[in-house]
Amino acid sequence: MHAFYQNHQGAVLSTSINKFTYISSHRFFDENSLRIKYSQTETVNNVNEIKHPIFREVLKKFEISGAVEISSNSDVPAGTGLSSSSSFTVGLLHNLYTVQGRFVTKKQLAEEACQIEIETLKEPIGKQDQYAAAFGGLNVIKFNPSGTVYVEPIHLKKNTCDELQKSLLLFYIGKPRKASDILAEQRKNLRSPDRLDILKQMVELVWRLRETLYNEQMDMFGRILHKNWLLKKQLASKISDSCIDGIYQTALENGAAGGKLLGAGGGGFMLFYCEPKKQKKLKAAMASFKKMDFRFENEGSKVIYIGDEHYEP
């Protein structure tokens, strides 16, 4: 969050997973119109008429005026804490650069996605999701007061990576939320020295998590996640509630060493660290929630197909 890292170095430890947002584009039959498809379909004659804010601002950036149809599909719904919005922004930028035959780096994709979402659309969010989507992999991402961002890849031994992968379980607990509402309150609360200190403590936990992985102290991983969740809940009133707290407590009582809600909080996906030998009990206790299997992903944003037809949007 800019309100924090403009004065203090921020950091997160994050990974991308094999759940994707797909952006496809092709020439539209009507030369004078634009058509965009997401959960809705919009057909407009002018880019300024587009209701979807990210679509509108990215197409304006590329000065696209007509004869293009762009579709977006995702493996997970929006508002669930898995960075689908920023993945969409990064993917849309990547698609349009490719269509225009222009090379773009992962760093540029992340920076421009941040510009669209944070500077143009004034969303009260941080930069971690855009960089995670663009770069992919397991990384510590550092946010400096100067505005620069540094992505530090975490290189683990294969057995350590496999053990981490096998020990993480992801459940969809429902209650999709609008992250900006929670983050706006969180930004306001940063005026309090106590809340500022909480964020500093959370940054310190990033370095502890990194060392835990490099030292193969996997028994500590869940405990650090747990401490992070206890701190995060104090940042804003809507991050958790009695229902979410009850779900989390049930997981702890049935084998989980720690966990957290992904994203801003309030609902969506909940991640738990649980040793494989204890997972049967945890899965039974969480049987009323959808479990989502996943694997770590290391490539980030990529082009998977370029057709033979050439067109200038």
Foldseek 3Di string as FASTA:
>chain_A
DLLQQLVPKAKDWDAAWPWAKDKDKDFAPDFQWEWEEDVHIDIGRALVVDPPQLSSVLCVVVVDGGRMYMYMDTRDDPQFQNLHVLLVNLQVNVNQCVLVVHDDALVRSLVVSCCSVCVVVVQLDDSVSNSCQSFGATWMWMQHSVRDIDTGHQDADPVLQVQQQLQKWKWFPDQRDDLSVLSVQLSVQCVDPVLSVLSVVLRVLNVVLSVCSRVVVLVCNAQSQAVNQVSLCVSGVQQDDPVRVVLQVLLVVQFFSHWHRHHNHNGHMIMTGGGNVRVVRNCVSVVVTDIDRIDTDGGRHDDDDDDPDRDDD
